[in-house]
Amino acid sequence: MATTAPQRSTDGNRVSLIKAAADAFADSGFEGASLRSIADAAGVSYQLISHYFGNKEDLWRSTLEYLFERYLETGNGLGFDVSGNVRLQFRNHLRLLLTDRLQRPQIHKIWTQECFAASERHARTMEQEEALLADLAIPYFREVVRLGIVKKFRPEEISIVVGAVLQLNNVYPYPVEIALGTETGTAKSINRQVDLLFDLLTAGDDDLDAAGRPGAAEASETAPASESGTPEGTEDAAARAGPEAGRHDADLARLRAENADLKKVLAELLVQKSALHGKLRAAK
């Protein structure tokens, strides 16, 4: 008697539909995604969508939950071995985050789709984004600060800088490609952006202690003055440093100004977020 190929398992059909739906919702938005096209892409019967999920809204919610769980798996896997080089580990984490975002962009594209559509579903995406920030991103960046890897930025500020670069690669990569002269997702592009992020976040950290206070490099500013009015022990060093000292001071001043600007941006974002929450509540 002839045998037929075994049917795909129920779980396999369900996951195939979710993966196809993730691509459809990310590329076309909720309204533009076709259930029949999703079923065709998954290689299953159209009727199975109602069997497993009910309706389009239920499929969208299941898809979002599935993508969110997969994304959390990556974030929860980031940790530091304090017996090793934590700065190098942080650089590697940045590379992993950017690579993972490029390989699995769907959830962030869906979040963006619903944000621009100002849909009722956007409230659900905001819940996930807030959970990701509060339960994963900020605790991770607190550890980055606690270990002294980044000293001049607060965890919330680090999340803005890193999040902005990751989102740009997903939502509108063209400026990145123009600036770097290479296609987004290539090893060259990823490595260059990781270098830029790492250098931005850690530049000047040798001049700060773990609490962000002036370290040895700035200690001479408050050292006792000699008879000439120059802090003791700094006359020879200043003569040796020459123009380099001036450039160092200018760089440090620029970094402090950038830090202040980032704090203003954070405050504005928090105000905008509160206003958006108020509009959504009023609309319900």
C-alpha atoms as a PDB file:
ATOM      1  CA  MET A   1       0.000   0.000   0.000  1.00  0.00           C
ATOM      2  CA  ALA A   2       1.354   3.424  -0.954  1.00  0.00           C
ATOM      3  CA  THR A   3       2.244   5.832   1.826  1.00  0.00           C
ATOM      4  CA  THR A   4       1.852   9.580   1.752  1.00  0.00           C
ATOM      5  CA  ALA A   5       4.219  12.161   3.131  1.00  0.00           C
ATOM      6  CA  PRO A   6       3.456  12.925   6.762  1.00  0.00           C
ATOM      7  CA  GLN A   7       1.348  15.980   7.364  1.00  0.00           C
ATOM      8  CA  ARG A   8       3.073  18.953   8.896  1.00  0.00           C
ATOM      9  CA  SER A   9       2.404  19.103  12.637  1.00  0.00           C
ATOM     10  CA  THR A  10      -0.181  21.456  14.081  1.00  0.00           C
ATOM     11  CA  ASP A  11       2.549  23.506  15.749  1.00  0.00           C
ATOM     12  CA  GLY A  12       4.462  23.626  12.484  1.00  0.00           C
ATOM     13  CA  ASN A  13       1.457  24.964  10.575  1.00  0.00           C
ATOM     14  CA  ARG A  14       0.799  27.560  13.255  1.00  0.00           C
ATOM     15  CA  VAL A  15       4.404  28.799  13.319  1.00  0.00           C
ATOM     16  CA  SER A  16       4.525  28.902   9.511  1.00  0.00           C
ATOM     17  CA  LEU A  17       1.432  31.106   9.487  1.00  0.00           C
ATOM     18  CA  ILE A  18       2.885  33.401  12.148  1.00  0.00           C
ATOM     19  CA  LYS A  19       6.173  33.797  10.262  1.00  0.00           C
ATOM     20  CA  ALA A  20       4.342  34.570   7.021  1.00  0.00           C
ATOM     21  CA  ALA A  21       2.072  36.992   8.879  1.00  0.00           C
ATOM     22  CA  ALA A  22       5.094  38.714  10.446  1.00  0.00           C
ATOM     23  CA  ASP A  23       6.504  39.508   7.007  1.00  0.00           C
ATOM     24  CA  ALA A  24       3.124  40.632   5.679  1.00  0.00           C
ATOM     25  CA  PHE A  25       2.250  42.897   8.617  1.00  0.00           C
ATOM     26  CA  ALA A  26       5.782  44.363   8.665  1.00  0.00           C
ATOM     27  CA  ASP A  27       5.829  45.131   4.945  1.00  0.00           C
ATOM     28  CA  SER A  28       2.189  46.088   4.297  1.00  0.00           C
ATOM     29  CA  GLY A  29       0.727  47.030   7.659  1.00  0.00           C
ATOM     30  CA  PHE A  30      -2.386  45.525   9.217  1.00  0.00           C
ATOM     31  CA  GLU A  31      -4.817  46.872   6.623  1.00  0.00           C
ATOM     32  CA  GLY A  32      -2.635  46.039   3.645  1.00  0.00           C
ATOM     33  CA  ALA A  33      -1.819  42.467   4.663  1.00  0.00           C
ATOM     34  CA  SER A  34      -3.923  39.795   2.909  1.00  0.00           C
ATOM     35  CA  LEU A  35      -4.929  36.689   4.852  1.00  0.00           C
ATOM     36  CA  ARG A  36      -5.026  34.615   1.683  1.00  0.00           C
ATOM     37  CA  SER A  37      -1.542  35.761   0.724  1.00  0.00           C
ATOM     38  CA  ILE A  38      -0.336  34.905   4.229  1.00  0.00           C
ATOM     39  CA  ALA A  39      -1.759  31.394   3.917  1.00  0.00           C
ATOM     40  CA  ASP A  40      -0.191  30.976   0.479  1.00  0.00           C
ATOM     41  CA  ALA A  41       3.201  32.148   1.758  1.00  0.00           C
ATOM     42  CA  ALA A  42       2.937  29.704   4.676  1.00  0.00           C
ATOM     43  CA  GLY A  43       2.008  26.879   2.306  1.00  0.00           C
ATOM     44  CA  VAL A  44      -1.164  25.961   4.199  1.00  0.00           C
ATOM     45  CA  SER A  45      -4.900  26.117   3.632  1.00  0.00           C
ATOM     46  CA  TYR A  46      -6.565  29.520   4.010  1.00  0.00           C
ATOM     47  CA  GLN A  47      -9.144  27.958   6.371  1.00  0.00           C
ATOM     48  CA  LEU A  48      -6.410  27.131   8.886  1.00  0.00           C
ATOM     49  CA  ILE A  49      -6.094  30.808   9.815  1.00  0.00           C
ATOM     50  CA  SER A  50      -9.590  30.854  11.332  1.00  0.00           C
ATOM     51  CA  HIS A  51      -8.964  27.395  12.823  1.00  0.00           C
ATOM     52  CA  TYR A  52      -5.811  28.467  14.695  1.00  0.00           C
ATOM     53  CA  PHE A  53      -6.366  32.165  15.292  1.00  0.00           C
ATOM     54  CA  GLY A  54      -9.972  33.147  14.701  1.00  0.00           C
ATOM     55  CA  ASN A  55      -9.700  36.376  12.741  1.00  0.00           C
ATOM     56  CA  LYS A  56      -7.128  38.804  11.388  1.00  0.00           C
ATOM     57  CA  GLU A  57      -6.911  40.756  14.625  1.00  0.00           C
ATOM     58  CA  ASP A  58      -6.203  37.575  16.594  1.00  0.00           C
ATOM     59  CA  LEU A  59      -3.544  36.540  14.066  1.00  0.00           C
ATOM     60  CA  TRP A  60      -1.913  39.964  14.414  1.00  0.00           C
ATOM     61  CA  ARG A  61      -1.843  39.704  18.205  1.00  0.00           C
ATOM     62  CA  SER A  62      -0.446  36.160  18.140  1.00  0.00           C
ATOM     63  CA  THR A  63       2.205  37.229  15.667  1.00  0.00           C
ATOM     64  CA  LEU A  64       3.248  40.165  17.822  1.00  0.00           C
ATOM     65  CA  GLU A  65       3.482  37.975  20.927  1.00  0.00           C
ATOM     66  CA  TYR A  66       5.575  35.391  19.072  1.00  0.00           C
ATOM     67  CA  LEU A  67       7.989  38.027  17.737  1.00  0.00           C
ATOM     68  CA  PHE A  68       8.273  39.689  21.143  1.00  0.00           C
ATOM     69  CA  GLU A  69       9.189  36.420  22.857  1.00  0.00           C
ATOM     70  CA  ARG A  70      11.882  35.727  20.241  1.00  0.00           C
ATOM     71  CA  TYR A  71      13.286  39.225  20.686  1.00  0.00           C
ATOM     72  CA  LEU A  72      13.395  38.853  24.473  1.00  0.00           C
ATOM     73  CA  GLU A  73      15.383  35.651  24.084  1.00  0.00           C
ATOM     74  CA  THR A  74      18.203  37.582  22.436  1.00  0.00           C
ATOM     75  CA  GLY A  75      18.170  40.353  25.026  1.00  0.00           C
ATOM     76  CA  ASN A  76      18.064  37.987  27.986  1.00  0.00           C
ATOM     77  CA  GLY A  77      21.122  36.220  26.592  1.00  0.00           C
ATOM     78  CA  LEU A  78      23.281  39.337  27.002  1.00  0.00           C
ATOM     79  CA  GLY A  79      25.387  39.216  30.125  1.00  0.00           C
ATOM     80  CA  PHE A  80      28.850  40.107  31.347  1.00  0.00           C
ATOM     81  CA  ASP A  81      31.661  37.884  32.561  1.00  0.00           C
ATOM     82  CA  VAL A  82      33.353  40.254  35.001  1.00  0.00           C
ATOM     83  CA  SER A  83      36.508  38.134  34.970  1.00  0.00           C
ATOM     84  CA  GLY A  84      36.987  39.061  31.309  1.00  0.00           C
ATOM     85  CA  ASN A  85      37.208  42.262  29.277  1.00  0.00           C
ATOM     86  CA  VAL A  86      33.767  43.812  29.809  1.00  0.00           C
ATOM     87  CA  ARG A  87      34.409  46.636  27.340  1.00  0.00           C
ATOM     88  CA  LEU A  88      35.080  44.118  24.585  1.00  0.00           C
ATOM     89  CA  GLN A  89      31.972  42.180  25.635  1.00  0.00           C
ATOM     90  CA  PHE A  90      29.892  45.362  25.388  1.00  0.00           C
ATOM     91  CA  ARG A  91      31.208  46.011  21.872  1.00  0.00           C
ATOM     92  CA  ASN A  92      30.284  42.437  20.923  1.00  0.00           C
ATOM     93  CA  HIS A  93      26.807  42.928  22.409  1.00  0.00           C
ATOM     94  CA  LEU A  94      26.298  46.011  20.233  1.00  0.00           C
ATOM     95  CA  ARG A  95      27.263  43.974  17.180  1.00  0.00           C
ATOM     96  CA  LEU A  96      24.873  41.185  18.184  1.00  0.00           C
ATOM     97  CA  LEU A  97      21.989  43.623  18.733  1.00  0.00           C
ATOM     98  CA  LEU A  98      22.489  45.308  15.366  1.00  0.00           C
ATOM     99  CA  THR A  99      22.880  42.008  13.527  1.00  0.00           C
ATOM    100  CA  ASP A 100      19.787  40.537  15.203  1.00  0.00           C
ATOM    101  CA  ARG A 101      17.745  43.659  14.399  1.00  0.00           C
ATOM    102  CA  LEU A 102      18.735  43.428  10.734  1.00  0.00           C
ATOM    103  CA  GLN A 103      17.970  39.718  10.555  1.00  0.00           C
ATOM    104  CA  ARG A 104      14.649  39.986  12.428  1.00  0.00           C
ATOM    105  CA  PRO A 105      13.260  43.455  11.742  1.00  0.00           C
ATOM    106  CA  GLN A 106       9.570  42.540  11.664  1.00  0.00           C
ATOM    107  CA  ILE A 107       8.480  43.468  15.181  1.00  0.00           C
ATOM    108  CA  HIS A 108      10.052  46.923  14.982  1.00  0.00           C
ATOM    109  CA  LYS A 109       8.547  47.539  11.564  1.00  0.00           C
ATOM    110  CA  ILE A 110       5.128  46.530  12.903  1.00  0.00           C
ATOM    111  CA  TRP A 111       5.536  48.876  15.873  1.00  0.00           C
ATOM    112  CA  THR A 112       6.403  51.693  13.461  1.00  0.00           C
ATOM    113  CA  GLN A 113       3.527  50.840  11.113  1.00  0.00           C
ATOM    114  CA  GLU A 114       0.988  51.110  13.936  1.00  0.00           C
ATOM    115  CA  CYS A 115       2.568  54.268  15.331  1.00  0.00           C
ATOM    116  CA  PHE A 116       2.233  56.117  12.030  1.00  0.00           C
ATOM    117  CA  ALA A 117      -1.275  54.727  11.518  1.00  0.00           C
ATOM    118  CA  ALA A 118      -2.252  55.936  15.022  1.00  0.00           C
ATOM    119  CA  SER A 119      -4.382  52.796  15.263  1.00  0.00           C
ATOM    120  CA  GLU A 120      -6.028  51.277  18.317  1.00  0.00           C
ATOM    121  CA  ARG A 121      -3.449  48.478  17.986  1.00  0.00           C
ATOM    122  CA  HIS A 122      -0.718  51.012  18.694  1.00  0.00           C
ATOM    123  CA  ALA A 123      -1.606  50.832  22.389  1.00  0.00           C
ATOM    124  CA  ARG A 124      -0.587  47.164  22.339  1.00  0.00           C
ATOM    125  CA  THR A 125       2.714  47.906  20.612  1.00  0.00           C
ATOM    126  CA  MET A 126       3.458  50.620  23.198  1.00  0.00           C
ATOM    127  CA  GLU A 127       2.929  48.091  25.990  1.00  0.00           C
ATOM    128  CA  GLN A 128       5.569  45.867  24.415  1.00  0.00           C
ATOM    129  CA  GLU A 129       7.968  48.747  23.833  1.00  0.00           C
ATOM    130  CA  GLU A 130       7.587  49.922  27.430  1.00  0.00           C
ATOM    131  CA  ALA A 131       8.134  46.388  28.715  1.00  0.00           C
ATOM    132  CA  LEU A 132      11.216  45.992  26.535  1.00  0.00           C
ATOM    133  CA  LEU A 133      12.632  49.257  27.827  1.00  0.00           C
ATOM    134  CA  ALA A 134      11.779  48.786  31.513  1.00  0.00           C
ATOM    135  CA  ASP A 135      12.454  45.067  31.901  1.00  0.00           C
ATOM    136  CA  LEU A 136      15.342  44.512  29.517  1.00  0.00           C
ATOM    137  CA  ALA A 137      17.076  47.524  27.952  1.00  0.00           C
ATOM    138  CA  ILE A 138      17.364  49.847  30.958  1.00  0.00           C
ATOM    139  CA  PRO A 139      18.481  47.080  33.394  1.00  0.00           C
ATOM    140  CA  TYR A 140      21.115  46.003  30.859  1.00  0.00           C
ATOM    141  CA  PHE A 141      22.411  49.548  30.404  1.00  0.00           C
ATOM    142  CA  ARG A 142      22.415  50.036  34.189  1.00  0.00           C
ATOM    143  CA  GLU A 143      24.846  47.134  34.325  1.00  0.00           C
ATOM    144  CA  VAL A 144      26.923  48.765  31.585  1.00  0.00           C
ATOM    145  CA  VAL A 145      27.153  51.908  33.734  1.00  0.00           C
ATOM    146  CA  ARG A 146      27.734  49.987  36.968  1.00  0.00           C
ATOM    147  CA  LEU A 147      30.680  48.153  35.436  1.00  0.00           C
ATOM    148  CA  GLY A 148      32.197  51.451  34.340  1.00  0.00           C
ATOM    149  CA  ILE A 149      31.996  50.593  30.632  1.00  0.00           C
ATOM    150  CA  VAL A 150      30.114  53.834  29.909  1.00  0.00           C
ATOM    151  CA  LYS A 151      30.621  56.617  32.419  1.00  0.00           C
ATOM    152  CA  LYS A 152      29.306  59.884  31.024  1.00  0.00           C
ATOM    153  CA  PHE A 153      25.781  58.761  30.044  1.00  0.00           C
ATOM    154  CA  ARG A 154      22.894  57.492  32.135  1.00  0.00           C
ATOM    155  CA  PRO A 155      21.222  54.163  31.194  1.00  0.00           C
ATOM    156  CA  GLU A 156      18.211  55.987  29.728  1.00  0.00           C
ATOM    157  CA  GLU A 157      20.484  58.131  27.570  1.00  0.00           C
ATOM    158  CA  ILE A 158      22.412  55.106  26.310  1.00  0.00           C
ATOM    159  CA  SER A 159      19.130  53.451  25.316  1.00  0.00           C
ATOM    160  CA  ILE A 160      18.210  56.502  23.202  1.00  0.00           C
ATOM    161  CA  VAL A 161      21.519  56.492  21.321  1.00  0.00           C
ATOM    162  CA  VAL A 162      21.609  52.724  20.719  1.00  0.00           C
ATOM    163  CA  GLY A 163      17.886  52.527  19.954  1.00  0.00           C
ATOM    164  CA  ALA A 164      18.092  55.339  17.404  1.00  0.00           C
ATOM    165  CA  VAL A 165      20.840  53.605  15.421  1.00  0.00           C
ATOM    166  CA  LEU A 166      19.055  50.244  15.507  1.00  0.00           C
ATOM    167  CA  GLN A 167      15.747  51.767  14.426  1.00  0.00           C
ATOM    168  CA  LEU A 168      17.294  53.762  11.585  1.00  0.00           C
ATOM    169  CA  ASN A 169      18.736  50.562  10.099  1.00  0.00           C
ATOM    170  CA  ASN A 170      15.261  49.001  10.120  1.00  0.00           C
ATOM    171  CA  VAL A 171      12.904  51.766   9.185  1.00  0.00           C
ATOM    172  CA  TYR A 172      14.917  54.025   6.883  1.00  0.00           C
ATOM    173  CA  PRO A 173      18.381  52.620   6.122  1.00  0.00           C
ATOM    174  CA  TYR A 174      19.051  54.834   3.078  1.00  0.00           C
ATOM    175  CA  PRO A 175      20.830  57.639   5.028  1.00  0.00           C
ATOM    176  CA  VAL A 176      23.052  55.009   6.653  1.00  0.00           C
ATOM    177  CA  GLU A 177      23.973  53.601   3.246  1.00  0.00           C
ATOM    178  CA  ILE A 178      24.696  57.090   1.891  1.00  0.00           C
ATOM    179  CA  ALA A 179      26.843  58.033   4.887  1.00  0.00           C
ATOM    180  CA  LEU A 180      28.862  54.814   4.979  1.00  0.00           C
ATOM    181  CA  GLY A 181      28.946  54.132   1.258  1.00  0.00           C
ATOM    182  CA  THR A 182      27.880  50.528   1.666  1.00  0.00           C
ATOM    183  CA  GLU A 183      24.658  48.542   1.777  1.00  0.00           C
ATOM    184  CA  THR A 184      22.962  48.140   5.150  1.00  0.00           C
ATOM    185  CA  GLY A 185      23.489  44.680   6.603  1.00  0.00           C
ATOM    186  CA  THR A 186      26.952  44.120   5.186  1.00  0.00           C
ATOM    187  CA  ALA A 187      29.808  43.270   7.528  1.00  0.00           C
ATOM    188  CA  LYS A 188      31.441  46.599   6.680  1.00  0.00           C
ATOM    189  CA  SER A 189      28.316  48.566   7.584  1.00  0.00           C
ATOM    190  CA  ILE A 190      27.706  46.664  10.815  1.00  0.00           C
ATOM    191  CA  ASN A 191      31.307  46.916  11.992  1.00  0.00           C
ATOM    192  CA  ARG A 192      31.518  50.621  11.204  1.00  0.00           C
ATOM    193  CA  GLN A 193      28.304  51.424  13.058  1.00  0.00           C
ATOM    194  CA  VAL A 194      29.384  49.354  16.056  1.00  0.00           C
ATOM    195  CA  ASP A 195      32.679  51.258  16.125  1.00  0.00           C
ATOM    196  CA  LEU A 196      30.827  54.577  15.939  1.00  0.00           C
ATOM    197  CA  LEU A 197      28.409  53.622  18.725  1.00  0.00           C
ATOM    198  CA  PHE A 198      31.131  52.297  20.984  1.00  0.00           C
ATOM    199  CA  ASP A 199      33.407  55.284  20.427  1.00  0.00           C
ATOM    200  CA  LEU A 200      30.571  57.763  20.997  1.00  0.00           C
ATOM    201  CA  LEU A 201      29.461  56.124  24.229  1.00  0.00           C
ATOM    202  CA  THR A 202      32.930  55.590  25.692  1.00  0.00           C
ATOM    203  CA  ALA A 203      34.937  58.537  24.295  1.00  0.00           C
ATOM    204  CA  GLY A 204      36.538  60.521  27.088  1.00  0.00           C
ATOM    205  CA  ASP A 205      35.764  57.869  29.704  1.00  0.00           C
ATOM    206  CA  ASP A 206      39.430  57.737  30.713  1.00  0.00           C
ATOM    207  CA  ASP A 207      38.885  61.202  32.190  1.00  0.00           C
ATOM    208  CA  LEU A 208      35.922  60.135  34.346  1.00  0.00           C
ATOM    209  CA  ASP A 209      35.612  57.813  37.275  1.00  0.00           C
ATOM    210  CA  ALA A 210      32.820  55.214  37.589  1.00  0.00           C
ATOM    211  CA  ALA A 211      30.442  57.856  38.961  1.00  0.00           C
ATOM    212  CA  GLY A 212      31.093  60.240  36.078  1.00  0.00           C
ATOM    213  CA  ARG A 213      33.253  62.589  38.157  1.00  0.00           C
ATOM    214  CA  PRO A 214      36.512  64.107  36.863  1.00  0.00           C
ATOM    215  CA  GLY A 215      39.290  61.569  37.110  1.00  0.00           C
ATOM    216  CA  ALA A 216      43.043  61.881  37.160  1.00  0.00           C
ATOM    217  CA  ALA A 217      43.192  63.801  33.898  1.00  0.00           C
ATOM    218  CA  GLU A 218      41.113  66.643  35.373  1.00  0.00           C
ATOM    219  CA  ALA A 219      42.400  66.462  38.929  1.00  0.00           C
ATOM    220  CA  SER A 220      45.055  69.047  38.126  1.00  0.00           C
ATOM    221  CA  GLU A 221      42.319  71.638  37.623  1.00  0.00           C
ATOM    222  CA  THR A 222      41.711  71.714  41.362  1.00  0.00           C
ATOM    223  CA  ALA A 223      45.297  71.035  42.491  1.00  0.00           C
ATOM    224  CA  PRO A 224      47.056  73.582  44.780  1.00  0.00           C
ATOM    225  CA  ALA A 225      48.599  76.413  42.817  1.00  0.00           C
ATOM    226  CA  SER A 226      52.356  77.041  42.769  1.00  0.00           C
ATOM    227  CA  GLU A 227      53.916  80.472  43.239  1.00  0.00           C
ATOM    228  CA  SER A 228      53.435  81.153  39.537  1.00  0.00           C
ATOM    229  CA  GLY A 229      49.684  80.588  39.913  1.00  0.00           C
ATOM    230  CA  THR A 230      49.746  77.298  38.008  1.00  0.00           C
ATOM    231  CA  PRO A 231      48.617  74.127  39.801  1.00  0.00           C
ATOM    232  CA  GLU A 232      51.640  72.351  41.240  1.00  0.00           C
ATOM    233  CA  GLY A 233      53.114  69.667  39.031  1.00  0.00           C
ATOM    234  CA  THR A 234      51.323  70.857  35.908  1.00  0.00           C
ATOM    235  CA  GLU A 235      53.767  73.400  34.461  1.00  0.00           C
ATOM    236  CA  ASP A 236      56.038  70.824  32.838  1.00  0.00           C
ATOM    237  CA  ALA A 237      53.084  68.690  31.725  1.00  0.00           C
ATOM    238  CA  ALA A 238      51.400  71.680  30.089  1.00  0.00           C
ATOM    239  CA  ALA A 239      54.593  72.581  28.272  1.00  0.00           C
ATOM    240  CA  ARG A 240      54.930  69.015  27.002  1.00  0.00           C
ATOM    241  CA  ALA A 241      51.281  68.758  25.993  1.00  0.00           C
ATOM    242  CA  GLY A 242      51.250  71.919  23.863  1.00  0.00           C
ATOM    243  CA  PRO A 243      48.402  72.107  21.338  1.00  0.00           C
ATOM    244  CA  GLU A 244      47.277  68.576  22.245  1.00  0.00           C
ATOM    245  CA  ALA A 245      46.012  69.810  25.624  1.00  0.00           C
ATOM    246  CA  GLY A 246      43.864  72.438  23.927  1.00  0.00           C
ATOM    247  CA  ARG A 247      42.346  69.863  21.598  1.00  0.00           C
ATOM    248  CA  HIS A 248      41.660  67.580  24.552  1.00  0.00           C
ATOM    249  CA  ASP A 249      39.850  70.367  26.433  1.00  0.00           C
ATOM    250  CA  ALA A 250      37.806  71.209  23.352  1.00  0.00           C
ATOM    251  CA  ASP A 251      36.822  67.566  22.854  1.00  0.00           C
ATOM    252  CA  LEU A 252      35.815  67.260  26.501  1.00  0.00           C
ATOM    253  CA  ALA A 253      33.722  70.420  26.301  1.00  0.00           C
ATOM    254  CA  ARG A 254      32.025  69.121  23.146  1.00  0.00           C
ATOM    255  CA  LEU A 255      31.197  65.806  24.819  1.00  0.00           C
ATOM    256  CA  ARG A 256      29.703  67.595  27.813  1.00  0.00           C
ATOM    257  CA  ALA A 257      27.564  69.749  25.501  1.00  0.00           C
ATOM    258  CA  GLU A 258      26.375  66.636  23.632  1.00  0.00           C
ATOM    259  CA  ASN A 259      25.473  65.014  26.957  1.00  0.00           C
ATOM    260  CA  ALA A 260      23.393  68.047  27.909  1.00  0.00           C
ATOM    261  CA  ASP A 261      21.655  67.986  24.521  1.00  0.00           C
ATOM    262  CA  LEU A 262      20.800  64.309  24.927  1.00  0.00           C
ATOM    263  CA  LYS A 263      19.225  65.024  28.307  1.00  0.00           C
ATOM    264  CA  LYS A 264      17.033  67.689  26.672  1.00  0.00           C
ATOM    265  CA  VAL A 265      16.008  65.232  23.946  1.00  0.00           C
ATOM    266  CA  LEU A 266      15.096  62.644  26.586  1.00  0.00           C
ATOM    267  CA  ALA A 267      12.938  65.160  28.435  1.00  0.00           C
ATOM    268  CA  GLU A 268      11.129  66.136  25.225  1.00  0.00           C
ATOM    269  CA  LEU A 269      10.516  62.486  24.339  1.00  0.00           C
ATOM    270  CA  LEU A 270       9.006  61.826  27.757  1.00  0.00           C
ATOM    271  CA  VAL A 271       6.665  64.813  27.318  1.00  0.00           C
ATOM    272  CA  GLN A 272       5.606  63.618  23.853  1.00  0.00           C
ATOM    273  CA  LYS A 273       5.047  60.100  25.154  1.00  0.00           C
ATOM    274  CA  SER A 274       2.810  61.355  27.973  1.00  0.00           C
ATOM    275  CA  ALA A 275       0.805  63.437  25.499  1.00  0.00           C
ATOM    276  CA  LEU A 276       0.368  60.439  23.187  1.00  0.00           C
ATOM    277  CA  HIS A 277      -0.829  58.281  26.074  1.00  0.00           C
ATOM    278  CA  GLY A 278      -3.358  60.948  26.945  1.00  0.00           C
ATOM    279  CA  LYS A 279      -4.719  61.062  23.376  1.00  0.00           C
ATOM    280  CA  LEU A 280      -5.070  57.278  23.245  1.00  0.00           C
ATOM    281  CA  ARG A 281      -6.895  57.168  26.572  1.00  0.00           C
ATOM    282  CA  ALA A 282      -9.220  59.965  25.457  1.00  0.00           C
ATOM    283  CA  ALA A 283      -9.961  58.112  22.216  1.00  0.00           C
ATOM    284  CA  LYS A 284     -11.090  54.945  24.064  1.00  0.00           C
END
